[in-house]
Amino acid sequence: MTNINQVNESAQSYSAEKNPGKKTQKADAFQQALIDALDKPEPSEMGNMLASPLGEIASKELSFTGDSSTVSGKTDQLLQMLDLYSAQLEDPNIPLKKIAPVVKQIKEDAGELLKETQSLSKTDEALKRIAQETAVTAHTEYFKFQRGDYLS
């Protein structure tokens, strides 16, 4: 056993002799960093140096709009508005002037829906097609109403 210890001791002394400057350089670097850190003034010694808080950082790449549930909800809402519009057109007691704001809202919602469909992924292609067809139908009804197709 004593022979093994002698081999280990000689190996350690050989490696210590081979790199004598590396340990002292690392120790000196650490010691210098520690001294530098201790020499920095304490926050109370800094006086009235206040940092302004950071504002919100907006992400240009990340967007949560346009997901399939949003498009689905807006499509459903637009279809309900088209049903209401259709029912109002069939009622002879409702003047066209009362229907005009509904038609304008339908056009605006259709435009928003078309924008939302642009961010849908390839997996939502069927929903995208339905939403686009609904928006086109809504725009068509708006133009028919503005053109006077429903005047009698």
C-alpha atoms as a PDB file:
ATOM      1  CA  MET A   1       0.000   0.000   0.000  1.00  0.00           C
ATOM      2  CA  THR A   2       2.798   2.369   0.684  1.00  0.00           C
ATOM      3  CA  ASN A   3       3.961   2.065  -2.882  1.00  0.00           C
ATOM      4  CA  ILE A   4       0.598   3.239  -4.170  1.00  0.00           C
ATOM      5  CA  ASN A   5       0.622   6.310  -1.928  1.00  0.00           C
ATOM      6  CA  GLN A   6       4.081   7.185  -3.134  1.00  0.00           C
ATOM      7  CA  VAL A   7       2.895   6.989  -6.754  1.00  0.00           C
ATOM      8  CA  ASN A   8      -0.053   9.285  -6.006  1.00  0.00           C
ATOM      9  CA  GLU A   9       2.155  11.758  -4.156  1.00  0.00           C
ATOM     10  CA  SER A  10       4.667  11.877  -6.974  1.00  0.00           C
ATOM     11  CA  ALA A  11       1.906  12.367  -9.557  1.00  0.00           C
ATOM     12  CA  GLN A  12       0.454  15.244  -7.542  1.00  0.00           C
ATOM     13  CA  SER A  13       3.806  16.925  -7.119  1.00  0.00           C
ATOM     14  CA  TYR A  14       4.514  16.526 -10.850  1.00  0.00           C
ATOM     15  CA  SER A  15       1.209  18.203 -11.841  1.00  0.00           C
ATOM     16  CA  ALA A  16       1.765  20.987  -9.314  1.00  0.00           C
ATOM     17  CA  GLU A  17       5.221  21.653 -10.730  1.00  0.00           C
ATOM     18  CA  LYS A  18       3.960  21.557 -14.310  1.00  0.00           C
ATOM     19  CA  ASN A  19       1.382  24.392 -13.819  1.00  0.00           C
ATOM     20  CA  PRO A  20       2.683  26.496 -10.963  1.00  0.00           C
ATOM     21  CA  GLY A  21       1.364  29.845 -12.237  1.00  0.00           C
ATOM     22  CA  LYS A  22      -2.248  28.872 -13.064  1.00  0.00           C
ATOM     23  CA  LYS A  23      -3.474  28.437  -9.483  1.00  0.00           C
ATOM     24  CA  THR A  24      -1.927  31.667  -8.289  1.00  0.00           C
ATOM     25  CA  GLN A  25      -3.289  33.586 -11.278  1.00  0.00           C
ATOM     26  CA  LYS A  26      -6.810  32.278 -10.595  1.00  0.00           C
ATOM     27  CA  ALA A  27      -6.488  33.055  -6.916  1.00  0.00           C
ATOM     28  CA  ASP A  28      -5.230  36.544  -7.725  1.00  0.00           C
ATOM     29  CA  ALA A  29      -8.119  37.135 -10.145  1.00  0.00           C
ATOM     30  CA  PHE A  30     -10.663  36.029  -7.575  1.00  0.00           C
ATOM     31  CA  GLN A  31      -9.016  38.079  -4.889  1.00  0.00           C
ATOM     32  CA  GLN A  32      -9.043  41.144  -7.147  1.00  0.00           C
ATOM     33  CA  ALA A  33     -12.725  40.622  -8.012  1.00  0.00           C
ATOM     34  CA  LEU A  34     -13.547  40.307  -4.315  1.00  0.00           C
ATOM     35  CA  ILE A  35     -11.653  43.491  -3.482  1.00  0.00           C
ATOM     36  CA  ASP A  36     -13.407  45.331  -6.318  1.00  0.00           C
ATOM     37  CA  ALA A  37     -16.801  44.164  -5.086  1.00  0.00           C
ATOM     38  CA  LEU A  38     -16.052  45.211  -1.527  1.00  0.00           C
ATOM     39  CA  ASP A  39     -14.849  48.633  -2.652  1.00  0.00           C
ATOM     40  CA  LYS A  40     -18.195  49.456  -4.327  1.00  0.00           C
ATOM     41  CA  PRO A  41     -20.344  51.848  -2.285  1.00  0.00           C
ATOM     42  CA  GLU A  42     -23.341  50.559  -0.395  1.00  0.00           C
ATOM     43  CA  PRO A  43     -26.795  51.569  -1.673  1.00  0.00           C
ATOM     44  CA  SER A  44     -27.169  53.981   1.261  1.00  0.00           C
ATOM     45  CA  GLU A  45     -23.883  55.640   0.310  1.00  0.00           C
ATOM     46  CA  MET A  46     -25.041  56.173  -3.287  1.00  0.00           C
ATOM     47  CA  GLY A  47     -27.289  59.042  -2.314  1.00  0.00           C
ATOM     48  CA  ASN A  48     -30.400  59.826  -4.308  1.00  0.00           C
ATOM     49  CA  MET A  49     -29.512  57.843  -7.409  1.00  0.00           C
ATOM     50  CA  LEU A  50     -32.880  56.310  -8.274  1.00  0.00           C
ATOM     51  CA  ALA A  51     -33.369  54.129 -11.280  1.00  0.00           C
ATOM     52  CA  SER A  52     -36.510  54.576 -13.300  1.00  0.00           C
ATOM     53  CA  PRO A  53     -38.675  51.480 -13.579  1.00  0.00           C
ATOM     54  CA  LEU A  54     -38.809  49.649 -16.869  1.00  0.00           C
ATOM     55  CA  GLY A  55     -41.951  49.921 -18.888  1.00  0.00           C
ATOM     56  CA  GLU A  56     -43.691  47.076 -20.621  1.00  0.00           C
ATOM     57  CA  ILE A  57     -41.687  45.507 -23.412  1.00  0.00           C
ATOM     58  CA  ALA A  58     -43.958  44.516 -26.257  1.00  0.00           C
ATOM     59  CA  SER A  59     -43.154  41.515 -28.382  1.00  0.00           C
ATOM     60  CA  LYS A  60     -43.354  42.010 -32.119  1.00  0.00           C
ATOM     61  CA  GLU A  61     -43.239  38.307 -32.898  1.00  0.00           C
ATOM     62  CA  LEU A  62     -45.729  36.954 -30.364  1.00  0.00           C
ATOM     63  CA  SER A  63     -49.383  37.374 -31.171  1.00  0.00           C
ATOM     64  CA  PHE A  64     -52.295  35.673 -29.496  1.00  0.00           C
ATOM     65  CA  THR A  65     -54.934  36.994 -31.839  1.00  0.00           C
ATOM     66  CA  GLY A  66     -56.253  34.859 -34.626  1.00  0.00           C
ATOM     67  CA  ASP A  67     -56.457  31.553 -32.841  1.00  0.00           C
ATOM     68  CA  SER A  68     -59.200  29.208 -33.907  1.00  0.00           C
ATOM     69  CA  SER A  69     -61.489  29.844 -30.918  1.00  0.00           C
ATOM     70  CA  THR A  70     -61.463  33.588 -31.572  1.00  0.00           C
ATOM     71  CA  VAL A  71     -62.232  33.136 -35.265  1.00  0.00           C
ATOM     72  CA  SER A  72     -64.906  30.580 -34.471  1.00  0.00           C
ATOM     73  CA  GLY A  73     -66.559  32.938 -31.975  1.00  0.00           C
ATOM     74  CA  LYS A  74     -66.466  35.903 -34.345  1.00  0.00           C
ATOM     75  CA  THR A  75     -67.858  33.782 -37.192  1.00  0.00           C
ATOM     76  CA  ASP A  76     -70.716  32.630 -34.986  1.00  0.00           C
ATOM     77  CA  GLN A  77     -71.416  36.211 -33.903  1.00  0.00           C
ATOM     78  CA  LEU A  78     -71.435  37.400 -37.521  1.00  0.00           C
ATOM     79  CA  LEU A  79     -73.828  34.608 -38.526  1.00  0.00           C
ATOM     80  CA  GLN A  80     -76.176  35.603 -35.697  1.00  0.00           C
ATOM     81  CA  MET A  81     -76.082  39.218 -36.855  1.00  0.00           C
ATOM     82  CA  LEU A  82     -76.872  38.096 -40.416  1.00  0.00           C
ATOM     83  CA  ASP A  83     -79.863  36.122 -39.066  1.00  0.00           C
ATOM     84  CA  LEU A  84     -81.082  39.206 -37.209  1.00  0.00           C
ATOM     85  CA  TYR A  85     -80.605  41.292 -40.333  1.00  0.00           C
ATOM     86  CA  SER A  86     -82.530  38.770 -42.416  1.00  0.00           C
ATOM     87  CA  ALA A  87     -85.400  38.747 -39.907  1.00  0.00           C
ATOM     88  CA  GLN A  88     -85.498  42.552 -39.894  1.00  0.00           C
ATOM     89  CA  LEU A  89     -85.617  42.660 -43.710  1.00  0.00           C
ATOM     90  CA  GLU A  90     -88.604  40.297 -43.734  1.00  0.00           C
ATOM     91  CA  ASP A  91     -90.524  42.395 -41.216  1.00  0.00           C
ATOM     92  CA  PRO A  92     -92.470  45.078 -43.118  1.00  0.00           C
ATOM     93  CA  ASN A  93     -92.940  47.115 -39.913  1.00  0.00           C
ATOM     94  CA  ILE A  94     -89.199  47.845 -39.581  1.00  0.00           C
ATOM     95  CA  PRO A  95     -88.034  50.730 -41.770  1.00  0.00           C
ATOM     96  CA  LEU A  96     -84.743  50.424 -43.629  1.00  0.00           C
ATOM     97  CA  LYS A  97     -83.337  53.378 -41.676  1.00  0.00           C
ATOM     98  CA  LYS A  98     -83.486  51.265 -38.500  1.00  0.00           C
ATOM     99  CA  ILE A  99     -81.692  48.415 -40.250  1.00  0.00           C
ATOM    100  CA  ALA A 100     -78.838  50.616 -41.542  1.00  0.00           C
ATOM    101  CA  PRO A 101     -76.797  50.581 -38.265  1.00  0.00           C
ATOM    102  CA  VAL A 102     -77.056  46.785 -38.133  1.00  0.00           C
ATOM    103  CA  VAL A 103     -75.761  46.515 -41.693  1.00  0.00           C
ATOM    104  CA  LYS A 104     -72.886  48.866 -40.916  1.00  0.00           C
ATOM    105  CA  GLN A 105     -71.932  46.779 -37.860  1.00  0.00           C
ATOM    106  CA  ILE A 106     -72.101  43.612 -39.957  1.00  0.00           C
ATOM    107  CA  LYS A 107     -69.641  45.135 -42.455  1.00  0.00           C
ATOM    108  CA  GLU A 108     -67.220  46.161 -39.685  1.00  0.00           C
ATOM    109  CA  ASP A 109     -67.382  42.733 -38.020  1.00  0.00           C
ATOM    110  CA  ALA A 110     -66.815  41.038 -41.373  1.00  0.00           C
ATOM    111  CA  GLY A 111     -63.677  43.120 -41.934  1.00  0.00           C
ATOM    112  CA  GLU A 112     -62.328  42.203 -38.486  1.00  0.00           C
ATOM    113  CA  LEU A 113     -63.093  38.543 -39.130  1.00  0.00           C
ATOM    114  CA  LEU A 114     -61.156  38.586 -42.397  1.00  0.00           C
ATOM    115  CA  LYS A 115     -58.149  40.056 -40.574  1.00  0.00           C
ATOM    116  CA  GLU A 116     -58.358  37.358 -37.897  1.00  0.00           C
ATOM    117  CA  THR A 117     -58.414  34.562 -40.472  1.00  0.00           C
ATOM    118  CA  GLN A 118     -55.030  35.639 -41.861  1.00  0.00           C
ATOM    119  CA  SER A 119     -53.225  34.368 -38.763  1.00  0.00           C
ATOM    120  CA  LEU A 120     -54.833  30.910 -38.727  1.00  0.00           C
ATOM    121  CA  SER A 121     -52.551  27.942 -39.269  1.00  0.00           C
ATOM    122  CA  LYS A 122     -52.818  25.290 -41.990  1.00  0.00           C
ATOM    123  CA  THR A 123     -54.562  22.936 -39.550  1.00  0.00           C
ATOM    124  CA  ASP A 124     -57.501  25.378 -39.339  1.00  0.00           C
ATOM    125  CA  GLU A 125     -57.992  25.592 -43.109  1.00  0.00           C
ATOM    126  CA  ALA A 126     -61.655  24.467 -42.959  1.00  0.00           C
ATOM    127  CA  LEU A 127     -62.502  27.069 -40.303  1.00  0.00           C
ATOM    128  CA  LYS A 128     -60.654  29.695 -42.305  1.00  0.00           C
ATOM    129  CA  ARG A 129     -62.716  28.885 -45.416  1.00  0.00           C
ATOM    130  CA  ILE A 130     -66.019  29.060 -43.482  1.00  0.00           C
ATOM    131  CA  ALA A 131     -65.060  32.352 -41.830  1.00  0.00           C
ATOM    132  CA  GLN A 132     -64.005  33.885 -45.139  1.00  0.00           C
ATOM    133  CA  GLU A 133     -67.205  32.793 -46.874  1.00  0.00           C
ATOM    134  CA  THR A 134     -69.256  34.252 -44.009  1.00  0.00           C
ATOM    135  CA  ALA A 135     -67.368  37.544 -44.247  1.00  0.00           C
ATOM    136  CA  VAL A 136     -67.836  37.685 -48.025  1.00  0.00           C
ATOM    137  CA  THR A 137     -71.564  37.035 -47.598  1.00  0.00           C
ATOM    138  CA  ALA A 138     -71.738  39.841 -45.030  1.00  0.00           C
ATOM    139  CA  HIS A 139     -69.927  42.258 -47.357  1.00  0.00           C
ATOM    140  CA  THR A 140     -72.233  41.276 -50.217  1.00  0.00           C
ATOM    141  CA  GLU A 141     -75.300  42.004 -48.093  1.00  0.00           C
ATOM    142  CA  TYR A 142     -73.836  45.355 -47.096  1.00  0.00           C
ATOM    143  CA  PHE A 143     -73.329  46.345 -50.730  1.00  0.00           C
ATOM    144  CA  LYS A 144     -76.810  45.122 -51.709  1.00  0.00           C
ATOM    145  CA  PHE A 145     -78.320  47.182 -48.910  1.00  0.00           C
ATOM    146  CA  GLN A 146     -76.317  50.293 -49.867  1.00  0.00           C
ATOM    147  CA  ARG A 147     -77.189  49.839 -53.526  1.00  0.00           C
ATOM    148  CA  GLY A 148     -80.904  49.752 -52.702  1.00  0.00           C
ATOM    149  CA  ASP A 149     -81.715  46.196 -53.704  1.00  0.00           C
ATOM    150  CA  TYR A 150     -84.248  45.914 -50.849  1.00  0.00           C
ATOM    151  CA  LEU A 151     -86.269  49.013 -51.663  1.00  0.00           C
ATOM    152  CA  SER A 152     -89.792  48.180 -52.698  1.00  0.00           C
END
